[in-house]
Amino acid sequence: MPDAQGRIVVAILAVPEVTASALYGMFDLFSSPGRDWSFIVRGEAGEQRMQPYIVARDRQGFKAANGIGVLPDHGFVDAPRPDVVCIPDFFVNPGCSVAGQYAAEAAWLRQCHDQGAMLASACSGAVLLGEAGLLDHREATIHWGYVATLTNNYPGVQVKTDRSLVLSGEAQRIVMAGGGSSWQDLTLYLIARFVGLKEAIEVAKVYMLQWHDLGQQPFAALAGQKRSADAMVNDCQAWLAENYRVANPVAAMVARSGLPERSFVRRFSKATGLTPLDYVQALRLEEAKQLLETGDLPVEAIAEEVGYQDTSFFGRLFRRKVGLTPQQYRLRFGSLRRAIRSQPVST
């Protein structure tokens, strides 16, 4: 949750093998939203919108892989509860197992995920997500040199080497960036996700960063619903996150729950604040928004991709829920890459 000043709290995980440039580069970029743009254009620093800190097993300092000293702000025991946890790349032997070497980090990552935090990895940082058991039978991405590290050690992981950014897991609260310098794209994505597109563009312009191709992956934030404390509803949420495109997903959830339909609807609505149908529509429309923002698929193809065979119904639903037609939404919003290219850096 945001801190007392309303800032988004970002924990950046450090291990002794961490790449210091990514570790401190993330820290700098997350410190920038709301603060640096006004300083550059008006000479007065603005209000900082995110609060990053460096966390490790304990607060004892150590040397990073390239010899730069790292002094964590917090250990796992005293770390403030984060909204986001970032895992920079670190040196690991490609293809080899690191089982048991990062048990404390894996346990802390699982705890943060269970508490609702988004987990984000850059390059080889995805290995720690695997150690936490969060990549089993899920889509992932990582630097091409480390694909075997995932596929050899974590069951059923589906590595997408053609995508530089992959969202995965329940409510897609796990995001992975593949390339060695992709921590910059990852950080910009998270700024846009939690603060806003405008602020992400400003940070990119201040630091003169170039957005890279995202392939099919979204730039804008998913409106993923929080995990329910009701085990039955939570199971249905997890299933739906992977299966919302199927025909009649509400009926499938009712069957999965083993409850009478009226009882299921009442229990699901109480736990999530949405009816099952509204919940399905929310997930489908968020996926549609991402496809509109990041690709050139025709609206008819997008409707089918997210589970609607009737394009007219999809268009009416989209306008009612979003306030714009799909075509208007595509014109108004786009990926950060396009936004940056259309707005030259002021000098």
Protein backbone atom coordinates (compact mmCIF):
# COMPACT_ATOMS: atom_id res chain seq x y z
CA MET A 1 0.00 0.00 0.00
CA PRO A 2 1.18 3.62 -0.53
CA ASP A 3 3.16 5.18 2.33
CA ALA A 4 1.95 7.97 4.64
CA GLN A 5 2.69 10.55 1.93
CA GLY A 6 0.67 8.61 -0.65
CA ARG A 7 3.74 7.43 -2.54
CA ILE A 8 3.96 4.02 -4.21
CA VAL A 9 6.42 1.88 -2.24
CA VAL A 10 8.91 -0.04 -4.39
CA ALA A 11 11.31 -2.61 -2.95
CA ILE A 12 14.37 -3.39 -5.08
CA LEU A 13 15.83 -6.75 -4.13
CA ALA A 14 19.61 -7.03 -3.88
CA VAL A 15 21.66 -10.22 -3.70
CA PRO A 16 25.48 -10.31 -3.62
CA GLU A 17 25.58 -11.24 -7.33
CA VAL A 18 23.38 -8.29 -8.37
CA THR A 19 24.27 -6.00 -11.27
CA ALA A 20 24.79 -2.66 -9.57
CA SER A 21 23.91 -0.58 -12.64
CA ALA A 22 20.43 -2.10 -12.75
CA LEU A 23 19.99 -1.92 -8.98
CA TYR A 24 20.83 1.76 -8.67
CA GLY A 25 19.43 2.66 -12.08
CA MET A 26 16.02 1.37 -10.99
CA PHE A 27 16.34 3.33 -7.76
CA ASP A 28 17.02 6.55 -9.67
CA LEU A 29 14.16 6.08 -12.13
CA PHE A 30 11.62 5.18 -9.44
CA SER A 31 12.67 8.30 -7.49
CA SER A 32 11.99 10.53 -10.49
CA PRO A 33 8.19 10.59 -11.14
CA GLY A 34 6.65 13.86 -10.02
CA ARG A 35 10.00 15.27 -8.91
CA ASP A 36 12.46 15.68 -11.78
CA TRP A 37 10.37 16.93 -14.70
CA SER A 38 9.28 20.11 -12.94
CA PHE A 39 12.87 20.65 -11.80
CA ILE A 40 14.11 20.41 -15.39
CA VAL A 41 11.46 22.66 -16.94
CA ARG A 42 10.76 25.08 -14.05
CA GLY A 43 13.75 24.83 -11.75
CA GLU A 44 11.70 23.54 -8.81
CA ALA A 45 11.56 19.90 -7.79
CA GLY A 46 8.05 18.51 -7.57
CA GLU A 47 6.51 16.06 -5.15
CA GLN A 48 8.00 12.58 -5.45
CA ARG A 49 5.34 10.00 -6.38
CA MET A 50 7.21 6.77 -5.65
CA GLN A 51 9.40 5.71 -2.73
CA PRO A 52 12.00 3.08 -3.61
CA TYR A 53 14.24 1.27 -1.16
CA ILE A 54 16.88 -1.42 -1.46
CA VAL A 55 16.22 -4.60 0.48
CA ALA A 56 18.32 -7.69 1.14
CA ARG A 57 18.40 -10.59 3.60
CA ASP A 58 19.77 -8.20 6.19
CA ARG A 59 21.16 -4.68 6.31
CA GLN A 60 24.79 -5.74 6.28
CA GLY A 61 26.62 -4.23 3.31
CA PHE A 62 28.27 -6.29 0.62
CA LYS A 63 30.08 -5.97 -2.69
CA ALA A 64 28.01 -6.40 -5.84
CA ALA A 65 29.19 -8.56 -8.72
CA ASN A 66 31.22 -5.74 -10.24
CA GLY A 67 32.76 -4.70 -6.91
CA ILE A 68 30.51 -1.73 -6.13
CA GLY A 69 29.44 -1.51 -2.52
CA VAL A 70 25.77 -2.08 -1.69
CA LEU A 71 24.30 -0.96 1.62
CA PRO A 72 20.66 -2.10 1.86
CA ASP A 73 18.10 0.24 3.38
CA HIS A 74 16.23 -2.67 4.95
CA GLY A 75 16.44 -6.35 5.66
CA PHE A 76 13.50 -8.67 5.12
CA VAL A 77 12.48 -8.39 8.78
CA ASP A 78 12.08 -4.61 8.90
CA ALA A 79 11.22 -3.81 5.26
CA PRO A 80 8.10 -1.68 4.72
CA ARG A 81 5.32 -3.54 2.95
CA PRO A 82 5.84 -2.86 -0.79
CA ASP A 83 3.34 -2.22 -3.56
CA VAL A 84 5.95 -3.45 -6.05
CA VAL A 85 9.00 -5.67 -5.72
CA CYS A 86 11.67 -5.41 -8.44
CA ILE A 87 14.35 -8.04 -9.01
CA PRO A 88 17.31 -6.70 -11.03
CA ASP A 89 19.46 -9.08 -13.02
CA PHE A 90 22.23 -10.93 -11.22
CA PHE A 91 25.06 -13.22 -12.21
CA VAL A 92 24.04 -16.86 -12.44
CA ASN A 93 25.64 -19.61 -14.51
CA PRO A 94 23.37 -20.10 -17.56
CA GLY A 95 21.46 -23.36 -17.44
CA CYS A 96 22.51 -24.27 -13.92
CA SER A 97 20.30 -24.69 -10.88
CA VAL A 98 20.50 -22.28 -7.96
CA ALA A 99 18.21 -24.42 -5.79
CA GLY A 100 18.67 -23.65 -2.11
CA GLN A 101 20.99 -20.70 -2.62
CA TYR A 102 18.25 -18.09 -2.32
CA ALA A 103 15.76 -19.69 0.07
CA ALA A 104 15.35 -16.52 2.14
CA GLU A 105 14.76 -14.39 -0.97
CA ALA A 106 12.26 -16.91 -2.35
CA ALA A 107 10.30 -16.99 0.90
CA TRP A 108 10.17 -13.19 1.10
CA LEU A 109 9.02 -12.93 -2.53
CA ARG A 110 6.22 -15.41 -1.88
CA GLN A 111 5.18 -13.43 1.18
CA CYS A 112 5.05 -10.17 -0.77
CA HIS A 113 3.08 -11.80 -3.57
CA ASP A 114 0.60 -13.29 -1.10
CA GLN A 115 0.13 -9.81 0.38
CA GLY A 116 -0.85 -8.44 -3.03
CA ALA A 117 2.37 -6.89 -4.30
CA MET A 118 3.28 -6.92 -7.99
CA LEU A 119 6.57 -8.74 -8.61
CA ALA A 120 8.78 -7.58 -11.48
CA SER A 121 12.02 -9.08 -12.78
CA ALA A 122 14.61 -7.91 -15.26
CA CYS A 123 16.73 -10.33 -17.26
CA SER A 124 18.09 -13.14 -15.03
CA GLY A 125 16.08 -11.81 -12.08
CA ALA A 126 13.29 -14.12 -13.29
CA VAL A 127 15.28 -17.01 -11.81
CA LEU A 128 14.32 -15.84 -8.31
CA LEU A 129 10.66 -15.89 -9.33
CA GLY A 130 11.25 -19.50 -10.33
CA GLU A 131 12.87 -20.23 -6.98
CA ALA A 132 9.79 -18.76 -5.30
CA GLY A 133 7.61 -21.27 -7.18
CA LEU A 134 5.81 -18.54 -9.10
CA LEU A 135 6.70 -19.62 -12.65
CA ASP A 136 5.59 -23.25 -12.65
CA HIS A 137 3.40 -23.87 -15.72
CA ARG A 138 3.29 -20.16 -16.53
CA GLU A 139 4.50 -17.93 -19.33
CA ALA A 140 7.77 -16.11 -18.72
CA THR A 141 10.55 -14.25 -20.44
CA ILE A 142 14.23 -13.86 -19.71
CA HIS A 143 17.43 -12.98 -21.56
CA TRP A 144 17.98 -15.47 -24.38
CA GLY A 145 21.16 -16.70 -22.73
CA TYR A 146 19.24 -17.85 -19.66
CA VAL A 147 16.29 -19.68 -21.25
CA ALA A 148 17.71 -23.05 -20.22
CA THR A 149 18.03 -21.82 -16.64
CA LEU A 150 14.25 -21.58 -16.50
CA THR A 151 13.28 -24.57 -18.63
CA ASN A 152 15.76 -26.93 -16.90
CA ASN A 153 14.70 -26.08 -13.38
CA TYR A 154 11.06 -24.99 -13.15
CA PRO A 155 8.32 -27.38 -14.32
CA GLY A 156 6.19 -26.38 -17.25
CA VAL A 157 7.51 -22.83 -17.57
CA GLN A 158 6.74 -21.44 -21.03
CA VAL A 159 9.52 -19.06 -22.05
CA LYS A 160 8.51 -16.51 -24.69
CA THR A 161 11.78 -15.39 -26.23
CA ASP A 162 10.01 -13.28 -28.86
CA ARG A 163 8.45 -11.01 -26.25
CA SER A 164 10.47 -8.49 -24.30
CA LEU A 165 7.80 -8.02 -21.63
CA VAL A 166 5.53 -10.76 -20.28
CA LEU A 167 2.73 -10.50 -17.73
CA SER A 168 1.87 -13.72 -15.93
CA GLY A 169 0.37 -15.27 -12.84
CA GLU A 170 -2.81 -14.62 -10.92
CA ALA A 171 -4.35 -11.29 -11.98
CA GLN A 172 -1.10 -10.90 -13.97
CA ARG A 173 0.74 -9.52 -10.95
CA ILE A 174 4.05 -10.88 -12.22
CA VAL A 175 5.85 -8.96 -14.95
CA MET A 176 9.15 -9.97 -16.53
CA ALA A 177 11.45 -8.12 -18.90
CA GLY A 178 13.87 -10.11 -20.99
CA GLY A 179 16.95 -8.23 -22.18
CA GLY A 180 19.99 -7.10 -20.27
CA SER A 181 19.03 -3.42 -20.38
CA SER A 182 15.31 -4.14 -20.24
CA TRP A 183 15.19 -2.94 -16.64
CA GLN A 184 14.67 0.50 -18.15
CA ASP A 185 11.56 -0.61 -20.06
CA LEU A 186 10.38 -2.52 -17.00
CA THR A 187 10.77 0.52 -14.77
CA LEU A 188 8.94 2.78 -17.23
CA TYR A 189 6.14 0.22 -17.48
CA LEU A 190 5.76 0.14 -13.69
CA ILE A 191 5.78 3.94 -13.45
CA ALA A 192 3.00 4.06 -16.01
CA ARG A 193 1.15 1.22 -14.26
CA PHE A 194 1.19 2.79 -10.81
CA VAL A 195 1.59 6.53 -11.42
CA GLY A 196 0.55 7.26 -15.00
CA LEU A 197 1.53 7.37 -18.65
CA LYS A 198 2.28 11.10 -18.53
CA GLU A 199 4.77 10.65 -15.70
CA ALA A 200 6.42 7.68 -17.43
CA ILE A 201 6.91 9.76 -20.57
CA GLU A 202 8.39 12.59 -18.52
CA VAL A 203 10.87 10.24 -16.84
CA ALA A 204 11.84 8.81 -20.23
CA LYS A 205 12.43 12.32 -21.57
CA VAL A 206 14.43 13.45 -18.53
CA TYR A 207 16.71 10.41 -18.77
CA MET A 208 16.57 10.30 -22.60
CA LEU A 209 15.45 6.67 -22.62
CA GLN A 210 14.30 4.87 -25.76
CA TRP A 211 11.30 2.56 -25.39
CA HIS A 212 11.85 -0.83 -27.03
CA ASP A 213 9.39 -3.02 -28.90
CA LEU A 214 6.93 -4.77 -26.61
CA GLY A 215 5.61 -7.27 -29.13
CA GLN A 216 2.16 -8.41 -27.95
CA GLN A 217 2.65 -7.27 -24.41
CA PRO A 218 0.72 -4.42 -22.82
CA PHE A 219 2.11 -1.16 -21.68
CA ALA A 220 -0.94 0.08 -19.82
CA ALA A 221 -1.95 -1.32 -16.47
CA LEU A 222 -4.23 -4.25 -15.97
CA ALA A 223 -7.10 -3.65 -13.60
CA GLY A 224 -6.48 -6.99 -11.96
CA GLN A 225 -8.77 -7.69 -9.04
CA LYS A 226 -7.25 -8.38 -5.65
CA ARG A 227 -7.06 -11.89 -4.38
CA SER A 228 -10.09 -12.91 -2.34
CA ALA A 229 -9.85 -14.31 1.18
CA ASP A 230 -12.57 -16.81 0.21
CA ALA A 231 -10.69 -19.93 -0.91
CA MET A 232 -13.41 -21.03 -3.32
CA VAL A 233 -13.69 -17.59 -4.93
CA ASN A 234 -9.91 -17.26 -5.03
CA ASP A 235 -9.69 -20.58 -6.88
CA CYS A 236 -12.22 -19.31 -9.43
CA GLN A 237 -10.33 -16.03 -9.80
CA ALA A 238 -7.09 -17.90 -10.49
CA TRP A 239 -8.83 -20.15 -13.03
CA LEU A 240 -10.52 -17.20 -14.72
CA ALA A 241 -7.26 -15.26 -15.06
CA GLU A 242 -6.10 -17.98 -17.45
CA ASN A 243 -9.45 -18.92 -19.03
CA TYR A 244 -11.60 -15.79 -19.40
CA ARG A 245 -11.59 -16.20 -23.20
CA VAL A 246 -13.57 -19.46 -23.10
CA ALA A 247 -17.27 -19.58 -23.88
CA ASN A 248 -19.57 -19.33 -20.84
CA PRO A 249 -16.85 -18.84 -18.19
CA VAL A 250 -19.44 -18.03 -15.51
CA ALA A 251 -21.12 -21.41 -16.00
CA ALA A 252 -17.72 -23.07 -15.84
CA MET A 253 -16.94 -21.33 -12.54
CA VAL A 254 -20.30 -22.37 -11.12
CA ALA A 255 -19.53 -25.98 -12.01
CA ARG A 256 -16.02 -25.61 -10.57
CA SER A 257 -17.40 -24.29 -7.28
CA GLY A 258 -19.91 -27.11 -6.81
CA LEU A 259 -22.49 -24.60 -5.55
CA PRO A 260 -25.96 -23.79 -6.85
CA GLU A 261 -25.73 -20.87 -9.27
CA ARG A 262 -27.54 -18.36 -7.01
CA SER A 263 -25.33 -19.27 -4.06
CA PHE A 264 -22.19 -18.96 -6.19
CA VAL A 265 -23.17 -15.55 -7.57
CA ARG A 266 -23.97 -14.25 -4.08
CA ARG A 267 -20.69 -15.53 -2.61
CA PHE A 268 -18.53 -14.35 -5.52
CA SER A 269 -20.12 -10.89 -5.49
CA LYS A 270 -19.62 -10.52 -1.74
CA ALA A 271 -15.95 -11.50 -2.01
CA THR A 272 -15.00 -9.39 -5.05
CA GLY A 273 -17.53 -6.56 -5.17
CA LEU A 274 -18.46 -7.60 -8.71
CA THR A 275 -20.89 -10.10 -10.13
CA PRO A 276 -19.19 -13.00 -11.91
CA LEU A 277 -20.30 -11.61 -15.27
CA ASP A 278 -18.99 -8.12 -14.50
CA TYR A 279 -15.72 -9.65 -13.35
CA VAL A 280 -15.36 -11.59 -16.62
CA GLN A 281 -16.13 -8.49 -18.64
CA ALA A 282 -13.58 -6.45 -16.70
CA LEU A 283 -10.81 -8.94 -17.45
CA ARG A 284 -11.77 -9.21 -21.11
CA LEU A 285 -11.96 -5.45 -21.61
CA GLU A 286 -8.59 -4.87 -19.95
CA GLU A 287 -7.03 -7.36 -22.37
CA ALA A 288 -8.81 -5.62 -25.26
CA LYS A 289 -7.46 -2.24 -24.13
CA GLN A 290 -3.94 -3.62 -24.10
CA LEU A 291 -4.31 -5.06 -27.60
CA LEU A 292 -5.67 -1.73 -28.85
CA GLU A 293 -2.79 0.15 -27.25
CA THR A 294 0.04 -2.04 -28.45
CA GLY A 295 -0.94 -3.64 -31.75
CA ASP A 296 -2.68 -3.22 -35.07
CA LEU A 297 -5.17 -6.09 -34.95
CA PRO A 298 -8.58 -5.16 -36.36
CA VAL A 299 -11.27 -4.60 -33.76
CA GLU A 300 -13.08 -7.72 -35.00
CA ALA A 301 -9.99 -9.82 -34.31
CA ILE A 302 -9.54 -8.26 -30.87
CA ALA A 303 -13.14 -9.02 -29.96
CA GLU A 304 -12.64 -12.67 -30.86
CA GLU A 305 -9.27 -12.80 -29.11
CA VAL A 306 -10.79 -11.78 -25.78
CA GLY A 307 -13.81 -14.04 -26.04
CA TYR A 308 -16.54 -12.19 -27.99
CA GLN A 309 -17.83 -13.62 -31.24
CA ASP A 310 -20.22 -10.70 -31.78
CA THR A 311 -18.16 -7.65 -32.68
CA SER A 312 -21.15 -5.31 -32.40
CA PHE A 313 -21.86 -6.47 -28.86
CA PHE A 314 -18.17 -6.07 -28.00
CA GLY A 315 -18.17 -2.50 -29.37
CA ARG A 316 -21.28 -1.52 -27.40
CA LEU A 317 -19.94 -3.10 -24.21
CA PHE A 318 -16.54 -1.43 -24.63
CA ARG A 319 -18.13 2.00 -25.10
CA ARG A 320 -20.44 1.54 -22.12
CA LYS A 321 -17.68 0.42 -19.78
CA VAL A 322 -14.76 2.52 -21.07
CA GLY A 323 -16.53 5.62 -22.37
CA LEU A 324 -14.93 5.41 -25.82
CA THR A 325 -15.38 3.19 -28.83
CA PRO A 326 -12.51 0.77 -29.47
CA GLN A 327 -11.39 2.91 -32.42
CA GLN A 328 -11.44 6.08 -30.30
CA TYR A 329 -9.50 4.35 -27.55
CA ARG A 330 -6.83 3.22 -30.02
CA LEU A 331 -6.45 6.77 -31.34
CA ARG A 332 -6.26 8.33 -27.89
CA PHE A 333 -3.91 5.88 -26.24
CA GLY A 334 -0.85 4.00 -27.41
CA SER A 335 2.25 2.30 -26.16
CA LEU A 336 4.91 4.35 -24.44
CA ARG A 337 7.19 3.68 -27.39
CA ARG A 338 4.83 5.49 -29.75
CA ALA A 339 4.20 8.26 -27.28
CA ILE A 340 7.90 8.95 -26.85
CA ARG A 341 8.51 8.97 -30.59
CA SER A 342 5.68 11.45 -31.12
CA GLN A 343 6.95 13.84 -28.44
CA PRO A 344 10.55 14.94 -29.03
CA VAL A 345 12.62 15.79 -26.01
CA SER A 346 12.62 19.52 -25.28
CA THR A 347 15.97 21.23 -25.00
